[in-house]
PDB file of N, CA and C in Angstrom:
ATOM      1  N   MET A   1       5.479  13.360   8.987  1.00  0.00           N
ATOM      2  CA  MET A   1       4.585  13.383  10.135  1.00  0.00           C
ATOM      3  C   MET A   1       3.441  12.395   9.905  1.00  0.00           C
ATOM      4  N   ARG A   2       3.103  11.665  10.914  1.00  0.00           N
ATOM      5  CA  ARG A   2       2.015  10.695  10.815  1.00  0.00           C
ATOM      6  C   ARG A   2       0.666  11.402  10.804  1.00  0.00           C
ATOM      7  N   THR A   3      -0.221  10.887   9.966  1.00  0.00           N
ATOM      8  CA  THR A   3      -1.563  11.469   9.931  1.00  0.00           C
ATOM      9  C   THR A   3      -2.478  10.809  10.962  1.00  0.00           C
ATOM     10  N   LYS A   4      -2.156   9.573  11.307  1.00  0.00           N
ATOM     11  CA  LYS A   4      -2.957   8.854  12.303  1.00  0.00           C
ATOM     12  C   LYS A   4      -2.216   8.904  13.627  1.00  0.00           C
ATOM     13  N   THR A   5      -2.697   9.734  14.529  1.00  0.00           N
ATOM     14  CA  THR A   5      -1.992   9.965  15.785  1.00  0.00           C
ATOM     15  C   THR A   5      -2.658   9.300  16.979  1.00  0.00           C
ATOM     16  N   ASN A   6      -3.841   8.746  16.809  1.00  0.00           N
ATOM     17  CA  ASN A   6      -4.559   8.151  17.928  1.00  0.00           C
ATOM     18  C   ASN A   6      -4.249   6.667  18.051  1.00  0.00           C
ATOM     19  N   PHE A   7      -4.062   6.232  19.267  1.00  0.00           N
ATOM     20  CA  PHE A   7      -3.818   4.822  19.553  1.00  0.00           C
ATOM     21  C   PHE A   7      -5.024   4.295  20.302  1.00  0.00           C
ATOM     22  N   ILE A   8      -5.583   3.196  19.822  1.00  0.00           N
ATOM     23  CA  ILE A   8      -6.773   2.619  20.451  1.00  0.00           C
ATOM     24  C   ILE A   8      -6.446   1.187  20.863  1.00  0.00           C
ATOM     25  N   CYS A   9      -6.769   0.869  22.093  1.00  0.00           N
ATOM     26  CA  CYS A   9      -6.599  -0.485  22.607  1.00  0.00           C
ATOM     27  C   CYS A   9      -8.000  -1.020  22.908  1.00  0.00           C
ATOM     28  N   PHE A  10      -8.288  -2.233  22.462  1.00  0.00           N
ATOM     29  CA  PHE A  10      -9.621  -2.784  22.715  1.00  0.00           C
ATOM     30  C   PHE A  10      -9.523  -4.279  22.992  1.00  0.00           C
ATOM     31  N   ARG A  11     -10.571  -4.812  23.546  1.00  0.00           N
ATOM     32  CA  ARG A  11     -10.607  -6.234  23.885  1.00  0.00           C
ATOM     33  C   ARG A  11     -11.332  -7.006  22.783  1.00  0.00           C
ATOM     34  N   ALA A  12     -10.855  -8.228  22.554  1.00  0.00           N
ATOM     35  CA  ALA A  12     -11.477  -9.098  21.553  1.00  0.00           C
ATOM     36  C   ALA A  12     -11.324 -10.537  22.013  1.00  0.00           C
ATOM     37  N   THR A  13     -12.227 -11.377  21.556  1.00  0.00           N
ATOM     38  CA  THR A  13     -12.135 -12.800  21.879  1.00  0.00           C
ATOM     39  C   THR A  13     -11.015 -13.437  21.053  1.00  0.00           C
ATOM     40  N   ASP A  14     -10.624 -14.631  21.441  1.00  0.00           N
ATOM     41  CA  ASP A  14      -9.602 -15.360  20.681  1.00  0.00           C
ATOM     42  C   ASP A  14     -10.059 -15.580  19.242  1.00  0.00           C
ATOM     43  N   LYS A  15     -11.338 -15.869  19.083  1.00  0.00           N
ATOM     44  CA  LYS A  15     -11.891 -16.114  17.746  1.00  0.00           C
ATOM     45  C   LYS A  15     -11.817 -14.852  16.883  1.00  0.00           C
ATOM     46  N   GLU A  16     -12.152 -13.707  17.475  1.00  0.00           N
ATOM     47  CA  GLU A  16     -12.106 -12.436  16.747  1.00  0.00           C
ATOM     48  C   GLU A  16     -10.672 -12.063  16.367  1.00  0.00           C
ATOM     49  N   VAL A  17      -9.739 -12.280  17.275  1.00  0.00           N
ATOM     50  CA  VAL A  17      -8.332 -11.978  16.995  1.00  0.00           C
ATOM     51  C   VAL A  17      -7.814 -12.877  15.881  1.00  0.00           C
ATOM     52  N   LYS A  18      -8.179 -14.143  15.922  1.00  0.00           N
ATOM     53  CA  LYS A  18      -7.749 -15.081  14.884  1.00  0.00           C
ATOM     54  C   LYS A  18      -8.317 -14.679  13.523  1.00  0.00           C
ATOM     55  N   LYS A  19      -9.583 -14.269  13.506  1.00  0.00           N
ATOM     56  CA  LYS A  19     -10.212 -13.840  12.262  1.00  0.00           C
ATOM     57  C   LYS A  19      -9.530 -12.584  11.711  1.00  0.00           C
ATOM     58  N   LEU A  20      -9.215 -11.628  12.589  1.00  0.00           N
ATOM     59  CA  LEU A  20      -8.508 -10.415  12.182  1.00  0.00           C
ATOM     60  C   LEU A  20      -7.125 -10.767  11.645  1.00  0.00           C
ATOM     61  N   TYR A  21      -6.423 -11.646  12.335  1.00  0.00           N
ATOM     62  CA  TYR A  21      -5.086 -12.057  11.905  1.00  0.00           C
ATOM     63  C   TYR A  21      -5.145 -12.716  10.532  1.00  0.00           C
ATOM     64  N   ASN A  22      -6.102 -13.629  10.324  1.00  0.00           N
ATOM     65  CA  ASN A  22      -6.237 -14.320   9.034  1.00  0.00           C
ATOM     66  C   ASN A  22      -6.580 -13.343   7.911  1.00  0.00           C
ATOM     67  N   LEU A  23      -7.485 -12.422   8.184  1.00  0.00           N
ATOM     68  CA  LEU A  23      -7.882 -11.426   7.190  1.00  0.00           C
ATOM     69  C   LEU A  23      -6.703 -10.539   6.818  1.00  0.00           C
ATOM     70  N   SER A  24      -5.942 -10.127   7.809  1.00  0.00           N
ATOM     71  CA  SER A  24      -4.761  -9.298   7.562  1.00  0.00           C
ATOM     72  C   SER A  24      -3.708 -10.058   6.769  1.00  0.00           C
ATOM     73  N   GLN A  25      -3.517 -11.309   7.131  1.00  0.00           N
ATOM     74  CA  GLN A  25      -2.503 -12.117   6.466  1.00  0.00           C
ATOM     75  C   GLN A  25      -2.868 -12.381   5.007  1.00  0.00           C
ATOM     76  N   LYS A  26      -4.127 -12.715   4.738  1.00  0.00           N
ATOM     77  CA  LYS A  26      -4.559 -12.983   3.363  1.00  0.00           C
ATOM     78  C   LYS A  26      -4.474 -11.743   2.489  1.00  0.00           C
ATOM     79  N   SER A  27      -4.782 -10.587   3.052  1.00  0.00           N
ATOM     80  CA  SER A  27      -4.781  -9.344   2.275  1.00  0.00           C
ATOM     81  C   SER A  27      -3.407  -8.672   2.269  1.00  0.00           C
ATOM     82  N   LYS A  28      -2.495  -9.184   3.086  1.00  0.00           N
ATOM     83  CA  LYS A  28      -1.152  -8.610   3.233  1.00  0.00           C
ATOM     84  C   LYS A  28      -1.211  -7.149   3.693  1.00  0.00           C
ATOM     85  N   LEU A  29      -2.192  -6.875   4.560  1.00  0.00           N
ATOM     86  CA  LEU A  29      -2.325  -5.559   5.179  1.00  0.00           C
ATOM     87  C   LEU A  29      -1.993  -5.695   6.661  1.00  0.00           C
ATOM     88  N   SER A  30      -1.591  -4.597   7.278  1.00  0.00           N
ATOM     89  CA  SER A  30      -1.378  -4.625   8.725  1.00  0.00           C
ATOM     90  C   SER A  30      -2.740  -4.779   9.405  1.00  0.00           C
ATOM     91  N   ARG A  31      -2.709  -5.207  10.658  1.00  0.00           N
ATOM     92  CA  ARG A  31      -3.977  -5.331  11.386  1.00  0.00           C
ATOM     93  C   ARG A  31      -4.637  -3.969  11.535  1.00  0.00           C
ATOM     94  N   SER A  32      -3.831  -2.949  11.733  1.00  0.00           N
ATOM     95  CA  SER A  32      -4.363  -1.585  11.855  1.00  0.00           C
ATOM     96  C   SER A  32      -5.070  -1.161  10.568  1.00  0.00           C
ATOM     97  N   LYS A  33      -4.418  -1.377   9.428  1.00  0.00           N
ATOM     98  CA  LYS A  33      -5.006  -1.006   8.140  1.00  0.00           C
ATOM     99  C   LYS A  33      -6.264  -1.838   7.864  1.00  0.00           C
ATOM    100  N   THR A  34      -6.248  -3.115   8.239  1.00  0.00           N
ATOM    101  CA  THR A  34      -7.417  -3.969   8.052  1.00  0.00           C
ATOM    102  C   THR A  34      -8.601  -3.438   8.851  1.00  0.00           C
ATOM    103  N   ILE A  35      -8.363  -3.085  10.104  1.00  0.00           N
ATOM    104  CA  ILE A  35      -9.432  -2.538  10.948  1.00  0.00           C
ATOM    105  C   ILE A  35      -9.956  -1.226  10.364  1.00  0.00           C
ATOM    106  N   CYS A  36      -9.052  -0.345   9.931  1.00  0.00           N
ATOM    107  CA  CYS A  36      -9.483   0.924   9.331  1.00  0.00           C
ATOM    108  C   CYS A  36     -10.327   0.691   8.079  1.00  0.00           C
ATOM    109  N   ASN A  37      -9.924  -0.266   7.247  1.00  0.00           N
ATOM    110  CA  ASN A  37     -10.709  -0.585   6.045  1.00  0.00           C
ATOM    111  C   ASN A  37     -12.093  -1.107   6.418  1.00  0.00           C
ATOM    112  N   LEU A  38     -12.172  -1.939   7.439  1.00  0.00           N
ATOM    113  CA  LEU A  38     -13.470  -2.463   7.866  1.00  0.00           C
ATOM    114  C   LEU A  38     -14.355  -1.345   8.429  1.00  0.00           C
ATOM    115  N   ILE A  39     -13.769  -0.448   9.194  1.00  0.00           N
ATOM    116  CA  ILE A  39     -14.533   0.679   9.753  1.00  0.00           C
ATOM    117  C   ILE A  39     -15.078   1.568   8.640  1.00  0.00           C
ATOM    118  N   ASN A  40     -14.269   1.777   7.597  1.00  0.00           N
ATOM    119  CA  ASN A  40     -14.660   2.648   6.487  1.00  0.00           C
ATOM    120  C   ASN A  40     -15.450   1.911   5.397  1.00  0.00           C
ATOM    121  N   ASN A  41     -15.857   0.688   5.670  1.00  0.00           N
ATOM    122  CA  ASN A  41     -16.609  -0.141   4.719  1.00  0.00           C
ATOM    123  C   ASN A  41     -15.882  -0.315   3.388  1.00  0.00           C
ATOM    124  N   SER A  42     -14.549  -0.301   3.426  1.00  0.00           N
ATOM    125  CA  SER A  42     -13.763  -0.525   2.216  1.00  0.00           C
ATOM    126  C   SER A  42     -13.695  -2.021   1.940  1.00  0.00           C
ATOM    127  N   LYS A  43     -13.609  -2.369   0.678  1.00  0.00           N
ATOM    128  CA  LYS A  43     -13.490  -3.770   0.308  1.00  0.00           C
ATOM    129  C   LYS A  43     -12.071  -4.236   0.590  1.00  0.00           C
ATOM    130  N   ILE A  44     -11.964  -5.428   1.108  1.00  0.00           N
ATOM    131  CA  ILE A  44     -10.655  -6.018   1.371  1.00  0.00           C
ATOM    132  C   ILE A  44     -10.498  -7.202   0.432  1.00  0.00           C
ATOM    133  N   TYR A  45      -9.451  -7.154  -0.374  1.00  0.00           N
ATOM    134  CA  TYR A  45      -9.204  -8.202  -1.354  1.00  0.00           C
ATOM    135  C   TYR A  45      -8.034  -9.061  -0.928  1.00  0.00           C
ATOM    136  N   GLU A  46      -8.093 -10.307  -1.355  1.00  0.00           N
ATOM    137  CA  GLU A  46      -6.956 -11.196  -1.128  1.00  0.00           C
ATOM    138  C   GLU A  46      -5.801 -10.704  -1.986  1.00  0.00           C
ATOM    139  N   ALA A  47      -4.620 -10.669  -1.411  1.00  0.00           N
ATOM    140  CA  ALA A  47      -3.436 -10.225  -2.144  1.00  0.00           C
ATOM    141  C   ALA A  47      -3.176 -11.176  -3.310  1.00  0.00           C
ATOM    142  N   PRO A  48      -2.720 -10.638  -4.437  1.00  0.00           N
ATOM    143  CA  PRO A  48      -2.453 -11.507  -5.587  1.00  0.00           C
ATOM    144  C   PRO A  48      -1.406 -12.559  -5.253  1.00  0.00           C
ATOM    145  N   LYS A  49      -1.608 -13.715  -5.819  1.00  0.00           N
ATOM    146  CA  LYS A  49      -0.647 -14.784  -5.626  1.00  0.00           C
ATOM    147  C   LYS A  49       0.593 -14.511  -6.468  1.00  0.00           C
ATOM    148  N   ILE A  50       1.693 -15.040  -6.038  1.00  0.00           N
ATOM    149  CA  ILE A  50       2.934 -14.868  -6.779  1.00  0.00           C
ATOM    150  C   ILE A  50       2.838 -15.666  -8.072  1.00  0.00           C
ATOM    151  N   MET A  51       3.200 -15.024  -9.176  1.00  0.00           N
ATOM    152  CA  MET A  51       3.121 -15.683 -10.471  1.00  0.00           C
ATOM    153  C   MET A  51       4.255 -16.684 -10.633  1.00  0.00           C
ATOM    154  N   ASP A  52       3.935 -17.805 -11.226  1.00  0.00           N
ATOM    155  CA  ASP A  52       4.992 -18.771 -11.502  1.00  0.00           C
ATOM    156  C   ASP A  52       5.765 -18.355 -12.747  1.00  0.00           C
ATOM    157  N   SER A  53       6.870 -19.008 -12.980  1.00  0.00           N
ATOM    158  CA  SER A  53       7.770 -18.595 -14.064  1.00  0.00           C
ATOM    159  C   SER A  53       7.114 -18.731 -15.436  1.00  0.00           C
ATOM    160  N   GLU A  54       6.235 -19.702 -15.615  1.00  0.00           N
ATOM    161  CA  GLU A  54       5.563 -19.883 -16.911  1.00  0.00           C
ATOM    162  C   GLU A  54       4.667 -18.689 -17.222  1.00  0.00           C
ATOM    163  N   VAL A  55       3.929 -18.205 -16.220  1.00  0.00           N
ATOM    164  CA  VAL A  55       3.045 -17.053 -16.426  1.00  0.00           C
ATOM    165  C   VAL A  55       3.885 -15.808 -16.712  1.00  0.00           C
ATOM    166  N   LYS A  56       4.975 -15.630 -15.980  1.00  0.00           N
ATOM    167  CA  LYS A  56       5.854 -14.488 -16.224  1.00  0.00           C
ATOM    168  C   LYS A  56       6.393 -14.528 -17.650  1.00  0.00           C
ATOM    169  N   TYR A  57       6.775 -15.703 -18.103  1.00  0.00           N
ATOM    170  CA  TYR A  57       7.294 -15.856 -19.458  1.00  0.00           C
ATOM    171  C   TYR A  57       6.222 -15.491 -20.491  1.00  0.00           C
ATOM    172  N   GLN A  58       5.005 -16.003 -20.294  1.00  0.00           N
ATOM    173  CA  GLN A  58       3.910 -15.721 -21.222  1.00  0.00           C
ATOM    174  C   GLN A  58       3.606 -14.223 -21.256  1.00  0.00           C
ATOM    175  N   LEU A  59       3.577 -13.576 -20.089  1.00  0.00           N
ATOM    176  CA  LEU A  59       3.332 -12.127 -20.045  1.00  0.00           C
ATOM    177  C   LEU A  59       4.436 -11.370 -20.773  1.00  0.00           C
ATOM    178  N   SER A  60       5.658 -11.820 -20.608  1.00  0.00           N
ATOM    179  CA  SER A  60       6.782 -11.187 -21.291  1.00  0.00           C
ATOM    180  C   SER A  60       6.632 -11.302 -22.806  1.00  0.00           C
ATOM    181  N   MET A  61       6.245 -12.484 -23.274  1.00  0.00           N
ATOM    182  CA  MET A  61       6.073 -12.706 -24.713  1.00  0.00           C
ATOM    183  C   MET A  61       4.926 -11.852 -25.270  1.00  0.00           C
ATOM    184  N   ILE A  62       3.826 -11.775 -24.526  1.00  0.00           N
ATOM    185  CA  ILE A  62       2.683 -10.966 -24.966  1.00  0.00           C
ATOM    186  C   ILE A  62       3.084  -9.494 -25.021  1.00  0.00           C
ATOM    187  N   GLY A  63       3.782  -9.027 -23.984  1.00  0.00           N
ATOM    188  CA  GLY A  63       4.243  -7.648 -23.972  1.00  0.00           C
ATOM    189  C   GLY A  63       5.177  -7.356 -25.130  1.00  0.00           C
ATOM    190  N   ASN A  64       6.035  -8.315 -25.444  1.00  0.00           N
ATOM    191  CA  ASN A  64       6.949  -8.179 -26.566  1.00  0.00           C
ATOM    192  C   ASN A  64       6.168  -8.039 -27.874  1.00  0.00           C
ATOM    193  N   ASN A  65       5.143  -8.877 -28.050  1.00  0.00           N
ATOM    194  CA  ASN A  65       4.308  -8.803 -29.255  1.00  0.00           C
ATOM    195  C   ASN A  65       3.610  -7.451 -29.372  1.00  0.00           C
ATOM    196  N   ILE A  66       3.091  -6.952 -28.250  1.00  0.00           N
ATOM    197  CA  ILE A  66       2.407  -5.660 -28.264  1.00  0.00           C
ATOM    198  C   ILE A  66       3.395  -4.545 -28.612  1.00  0.00           C
ATOM    199  N   ASN A  67       4.612  -4.618 -28.086  1.00  0.00           N
ATOM    200  CA  ASN A  67       5.634  -3.619 -28.427  1.00  0.00           C
ATOM    201  C   ASN A  67       5.980  -3.652 -29.913  1.00  0.00           C
ATOM    202  N   GLN A  68       6.050  -4.840 -30.487  1.00  0.00           N
ATOM    203  CA  GLN A  68       6.337  -4.958 -31.922  1.00  0.00           C
ATOM    204  C   GLN A  68       5.205  -4.362 -32.753  1.00  0.00           C
ATOM    205  N   ILE A  69       3.979  -4.598 -32.339  1.00  0.00           N
ATOM    206  CA  ILE A  69       2.816  -4.030 -33.036  1.00  0.00           C
ATOM    207  C   ILE A  69       2.873  -2.505 -32.951  1.00  0.00           C
ATOM    208  N   ALA A  70       3.196  -1.979 -31.767  1.00  0.00           N
ATOM    209  CA  ALA A  70       3.283  -0.527 -31.585  1.00  0.00           C
ATOM    210  C   ALA A  70       4.396   0.069 -32.445  1.00  0.00           C
ATOM    211  N   LYS A  71       5.512  -0.632 -32.557  1.00  0.00           N
ATOM    212  CA  LYS A  71       6.637  -0.148 -33.361  1.00  0.00           C
ATOM    213  C   LYS A  71       6.228  -0.034 -34.834  1.00  0.00           C
ATOM    214  N   VAL A  72       5.547  -1.065 -35.340  1.00  0.00           N
ATOM    215  CA  VAL A  72       5.084  -1.042 -36.736  1.00  0.00           C
ATOM    216  C   VAL A  72       4.046   0.068 -36.919  1.00  0.00           C
ATOM    217  N   ALA A  73       3.139   0.205 -35.942  1.00  0.00           N
ATOM    218  CA  ALA A  73       2.096   1.233 -36.035  1.00  0.00           C
ATOM    219  C   ALA A  73       2.715   2.631 -36.078  1.00  0.00           C
ATOM    220  N   ASN A  74       3.727   2.858 -35.272  1.00  0.00           N
ATOM    221  CA  ASN A  74       4.387   4.167 -35.260  1.00  0.00           C
ATOM    222  C   ASN A  74       5.146   4.431 -36.554  1.00  0.00           C
ATOM    223  N   ALA A  75       5.726   3.375 -37.117  1.00  0.00           N
ATOM    224  CA  ALA A  75       6.523   3.535 -38.339  1.00  0.00           C
ATOM    225  C   ALA A  75       5.647   3.731 -39.571  1.00  0.00           C
ATOM    226  N   THR A  76       4.520   2.997 -39.644  1.00  0.00           N
ATOM    227  CA  THR A  76       3.696   3.016 -40.850  1.00  0.00           C
ATOM    228  C   THR A  76       2.434   3.854 -40.709  1.00  0.00           C
ATOM    229  N   GLY A  77       2.021   4.107 -39.477  1.00  0.00           N
ATOM    230  CA  GLY A  77       0.771   4.838 -39.257  1.00  0.00           C
ATOM    231  C   GLY A  77      -0.444   3.932 -39.357  1.00  0.00           C
ATOM    232  N   GLU A  78      -0.237   2.603 -39.467  1.00  0.00           N
ATOM    233  CA  GLU A  78      -1.336   1.642 -39.559  1.00  0.00           C
ATOM    234  C   GLU A  78      -1.226   0.637 -38.414  1.00  0.00           C
ATOM    235  N   VAL A  79      -2.386   0.179 -37.961  1.00  0.00           N
ATOM    236  CA  VAL A  79      -2.427  -0.774 -36.855  1.00  0.00           C
ATOM    237  C   VAL A  79      -3.163  -2.027 -37.306  1.00  0.00           C
ATOM    238  N   ASP A  80      -2.554  -3.186 -37.006  1.00  0.00           N
ATOM    239  CA  ASP A  80      -3.213  -4.468 -37.274  1.00  0.00           C
ATOM    240  C   ASP A  80      -4.127  -4.762 -36.081  1.00  0.00           C
ATOM    241  N   ILE A  81      -5.368  -4.298 -36.188  1.00  0.00           N
ATOM    242  CA  ILE A  81      -6.323  -4.382 -35.078  1.00  0.00           C
ATOM    243  C   ILE A  81      -6.548  -5.822 -34.637  1.00  0.00           C
ATOM    244  N   LYS A  82      -6.697  -6.741 -35.567  1.00  0.00           N
ATOM    245  CA  LYS A  82      -6.973  -8.138 -35.216  1.00  0.00           C
ATOM    246  C   LYS A  82      -5.828  -8.708 -34.371  1.00  0.00           C
ATOM    247  N   ASN A  83      -4.595  -8.480 -34.799  1.00  0.00           N
ATOM    248  CA  ASN A  83      -3.436  -8.982 -34.063  1.00  0.00           C
ATOM    249  C   ASN A  83      -3.357  -8.342 -32.681  1.00  0.00           C
ATOM    250  N   LEU A  84      -3.613  -7.048 -32.611  1.00  0.00           N
ATOM    251  CA  LEU A  84      -3.574  -6.340 -31.331  1.00  0.00           C
ATOM    252  C   LEU A  84      -4.646  -6.876 -30.382  1.00  0.00           C
ATOM    253  N   GLU A  85      -5.849  -7.076 -30.880  1.00  0.00           N
ATOM    254  CA  GLU A  85      -6.938  -7.600 -30.042  1.00  0.00           C
ATOM    255  C   GLU A  85      -6.611  -8.987 -29.515  1.00  0.00           C
ATOM    256  N   GLU A  86      -5.990  -9.831 -30.350  1.00  0.00           N
ATOM    257  CA  GLU A  86      -5.603 -11.172 -29.912  1.00  0.00           C
ATOM    258  C   GLU A  86      -4.593 -11.113 -28.773  1.00  0.00           C
ATOM    259  N   ARG A  87      -3.613 -10.227 -28.880  1.00  0.00           N
ATOM    260  CA  ARG A  87      -2.592 -10.098 -27.833  1.00  0.00           C
ATOM    261  C   ARG A  87      -3.201  -9.566 -26.541  1.00  0.00           C
ATOM    262  N   VAL A  88      -4.095  -8.598 -26.660  1.00  0.00           N
ATOM    263  CA  VAL A  88      -4.741  -8.033 -25.468  1.00  0.00           C
ATOM    264  C   VAL A  88      -5.613  -9.091 -24.790  1.00  0.00           C
ATOM    265  N   ASP A  89      -6.328  -9.904 -25.584  1.00  0.00           N
ATOM    266  CA  ASP A  89      -7.132 -10.995 -25.021  1.00  0.00           C
ATOM    267  C   ASP A  89      -6.253 -11.993 -24.279  1.00  0.00           C
ATOM    268  N   GLU A  90      -5.080 -12.302 -24.837  1.00  0.00           N
ATOM    269  CA  GLU A  90      -4.142 -13.204 -24.166  1.00  0.00           C
ATOM    270  C   GLU A  90      -3.697 -12.607 -22.836  1.00  0.00           C
ATOM    271  N   LEU A  91      -3.453 -11.309 -22.850  1.00  0.00           N
ATOM    272  CA  LEU A  91      -3.011 -10.628 -21.640  1.00  0.00           C
ATOM    273  C   LEU A  91      -4.076 -10.701 -20.553  1.00  0.00           C
ATOM    274  N   TYR A  92      -5.321 -10.404 -20.913  1.00  0.00           N
ATOM    275  CA  TYR A  92      -6.412 -10.503 -19.941  1.00  0.00           C
ATOM    276  C   TYR A  92      -6.571 -11.929 -19.438  1.00  0.00           C
ATOM    277  N   GLY A  93      -6.410 -12.900 -20.317  1.00  0.00           N
ATOM    278  CA  GLY A  93      -6.521 -14.304 -19.934  1.00  0.00           C
ATOM    279  C   GLY A  93      -5.506 -14.690 -18.879  1.00  0.00           C
ATOM    280  N   CYS A  94      -4.301 -14.165 -18.982  1.00  0.00           N
ATOM    281  CA  CYS A  94      -3.262 -14.462 -17.983  1.00  0.00           C
ATOM    282  C   CYS A  94      -3.670 -13.956 -16.609  1.00  0.00           C
ATOM    283  N   PHE A  95      -4.248 -12.754 -16.558  1.00  0.00           N
ATOM    284  CA  PHE A  95      -4.637 -12.205 -15.273  1.00  0.00           C
ATOM    285  C   PHE A  95      -5.862 -12.910 -14.701  1.00  0.00           C
ATOM    286  N   GLU A  96      -6.786 -13.318 -15.543  1.00  0.00           N
ATOM    287  CA  GLU A  96      -7.965 -14.048 -15.064  1.00  0.00           C
ATOM    288  C   GLU A  96      -7.551 -15.378 -14.462  1.00  0.00           C
ATOM    289  N   ASN A  97      -6.568 -16.036 -15.058  1.00  0.00           N
ATOM    290  CA  ASN A  97      -6.103 -17.318 -14.561  1.00  0.00           C
ATOM    291  C   ASN A  97      -5.373 -17.198 -13.229  1.00  0.00           C
ATOM    292  N   GLN A  98      -4.873 -16.009 -12.913  1.00  0.00           N
ATOM    293  CA  GLN A  98      -4.156 -15.809 -11.658  1.00  0.00           C
ATOM    294  C   GLN A  98      -5.121 -15.606 -10.496  1.00  0.00           C
ATOM    295  N   GLY A  99      -6.396 -15.336 -10.789  1.00  0.00           N
ATOM    296  CA  GLY A  99      -7.383 -15.188  -9.719  1.00  0.00           C
ATOM    297  C   GLY A  99      -7.170 -13.944  -8.875  1.00  0.00           C
ATOM    298  N   THR A 100      -6.813 -12.823  -9.498  1.00  0.00           N
ATOM    299  CA  THR A 100      -6.575 -11.600  -8.742  1.00  0.00           C
ATOM    300  C   THR A 100      -7.896 -10.972  -8.330  1.00  0.00           C
ATOM    301  N   LYS A 101      -7.850 -10.171  -7.309  1.00  0.00           N
ATOM    302  CA  LYS A 101      -8.976  -9.406  -6.778  1.00  0.00           C
ATOM    303  C   LYS A 101     -10.127 -10.295  -6.321  1.00  0.00           C
ATOM    304  N   GLU A 102      -9.807 -11.327  -5.604  1.00  0.00           N
ATOM    305  CA  GLU A 102     -10.860 -12.146  -5.020  1.00  0.00           C
ATOM    306  C   GLU A 102     -11.269 -11.513  -3.713  1.00  0.00           C
ATOM    307  N   LYS A 103     -12.539 -11.217  -3.594  1.00  0.00           N
ATOM    308  CA  LYS A 103     -13.041 -10.639  -2.352  1.00  0.00           C
ATOM    309  C   LYS A 103     -13.397 -11.787  -1.420  1.00  0.00           C
ATOM    310  N   PHE A 104     -13.097 -11.623  -0.143  1.00  0.00           N
ATOM    311  CA  PHE A 104     -13.463 -12.666   0.819  1.00  0.00           C
ATOM    312  C   PHE A 104     -14.110 -12.066   2.023  1.00  0.00           C
TER     313      PHE A 104
END
Protein backbone atom coordinates (compact mmCIF):
# COMPACT_ATOMS: atom_id res chain seq x y z
CA MET A 1 0.00 0.00 0.00
CA ARG A 2 1.28 3.45 -0.86
CA THR A 3 1.97 5.79 2.01
CA LYS A 4 1.70 8.90 -0.16
CA THR A 5 -1.87 9.02 -1.38
CA ASN A 6 -2.28 12.71 -2.24
CA PHE A 7 -1.78 14.01 -5.75
CA ILE A 8 -0.91 17.68 -6.14
CA CYS A 9 -0.91 19.58 -9.42
CA PHE A 10 0.67 23.04 -9.50
CA ARG A 11 1.81 25.65 -11.98
CA ALA A 12 5.44 26.57 -12.57
CA THR A 13 7.37 28.68 -15.04
CA ASP A 14 9.51 27.09 -17.74
CA LYS A 15 12.59 28.14 -15.78
CA GLU A 16 11.32 26.51 -12.57
CA VAL A 17 10.42 23.28 -14.38
CA LYS A 18 13.84 23.16 -16.02
CA LYS A 19 15.55 23.71 -12.67
CA LEU A 20 13.46 20.94 -11.07
CA TYR A 21 14.23 18.60 -13.98
CA ASN A 22 17.99 19.32 -13.76
CA LEU A 23 18.02 18.85 -9.98
CA SER A 24 16.14 15.57 -10.28
CA GLN A 25 18.38 14.34 -13.06
CA LYS A 26 21.63 15.18 -11.24
CA SER A 27 20.46 13.53 -8.01
CA LYS A 28 18.84 10.59 -9.85
CA LEU A 29 15.65 11.15 -7.85
CA SER A 30 12.13 11.39 -9.22
CA ARG A 31 10.67 14.87 -9.48
CA SER A 32 8.20 13.93 -6.77
CA LYS A 33 10.96 12.79 -4.39
CA THR A 34 13.00 15.92 -5.20
CA ILE A 35 10.07 18.18 -4.34
CA CYS A 36 9.41 16.25 -1.11
CA ASN A 37 13.08 16.57 -0.12
CA LEU A 38 13.00 20.32 -0.78
CA ILE A 39 9.79 20.73 1.25
CA ASN A 40 11.33 18.79 4.16
CA ASN A 41 14.59 20.81 3.95
CA SER A 42 16.51 17.60 3.22
CA LYS A 43 19.89 17.88 1.55
CA ILE A 44 19.98 16.80 -2.06
CA TYR A 45 23.27 15.36 -3.24
CA GLU A 46 24.54 14.73 -6.71
CA ALA A 47 24.40 11.02 -7.46
CA PRO A 48 27.81 9.35 -7.43
CA LYS A 49 29.51 9.09 -10.76
CA ILE A 50 30.08 5.68 -12.24
CA MET A 51 33.52 4.39 -11.34
CA ASP A 52 35.91 3.62 -14.13
CA SER A 53 37.56 0.23 -14.39
CA GLU A 54 40.87 1.46 -12.91
CA VAL A 55 39.15 2.66 -9.71
CA LYS A 56 37.19 -0.60 -9.46
CA TYR A 57 40.44 -2.54 -9.82
CA GLN A 58 42.19 -0.46 -7.14
CA LEU A 59 39.24 -0.90 -4.74
CA SER A 60 39.32 -4.64 -5.37
CA MET A 61 43.05 -4.80 -4.61
CA ILE A 62 42.65 -2.74 -1.42
CA GLY A 63 39.77 -4.93 -0.29
CA ASN A 64 41.86 -8.00 -1.01
CA ASN A 65 44.71 -6.61 1.13
CA ILE A 66 42.33 -5.85 3.99
CA ASN A 67 40.92 -9.39 3.81
CA GLN A 68 44.44 -10.83 3.97
CA ILE A 69 45.23 -8.69 7.02
CA ALA A 70 41.99 -9.86 8.67
CA LYS A 71 42.83 -13.51 7.91
CA VAL A 72 46.26 -13.18 9.56
CA ALA A 73 44.74 -11.29 12.51
CA ASN A 74 42.17 -14.04 13.07
CA ALA A 75 44.78 -16.78 12.79
CA THR A 76 47.44 -15.20 15.02
CA GLY A 77 45.45 -12.84 17.23
CA GLU A 78 47.77 -9.96 16.18
CA VAL A 79 47.08 -7.06 13.85
CA ASP A 80 49.62 -5.14 11.78
CA ILE A 81 48.15 -1.72 12.56
CA LYS A 82 50.48 0.22 10.25
CA ASN A 83 49.62 -1.95 7.24
CA LEU A 84 45.90 -1.79 8.04
CA GLU A 85 45.97 2.01 8.38
CA GLU A 86 47.75 2.33 5.02
CA ARG A 87 45.10 0.21 3.28
CA VAL A 88 42.24 2.13 4.91
CA ASP A 89 43.85 5.45 3.86
CA GLU A 90 44.07 4.14 0.28
CA LEU A 91 40.42 3.19 0.45
CA TYR A 92 39.36 6.65 1.63
CA GLY A 93 41.54 8.21 -1.06
CA CYS A 94 39.67 6.31 -3.77
CA PHE A 95 36.33 7.65 -2.57
CA GLU A 96 37.60 11.22 -2.21
CA ASN A 97 38.85 11.13 -5.79
CA GLN A 98 35.40 10.06 -7.00
CA GLY A 99 33.85 13.27 -5.66
CA THR A 100 30.91 11.59 -3.92
CA LYS A 101 28.34 13.52 -1.89
CA GLU A 102 28.69 16.84 -3.62
CA LYS A 103 25.92 19.12 -2.51
CA PHE A 104 24.55 21.50 -5.12
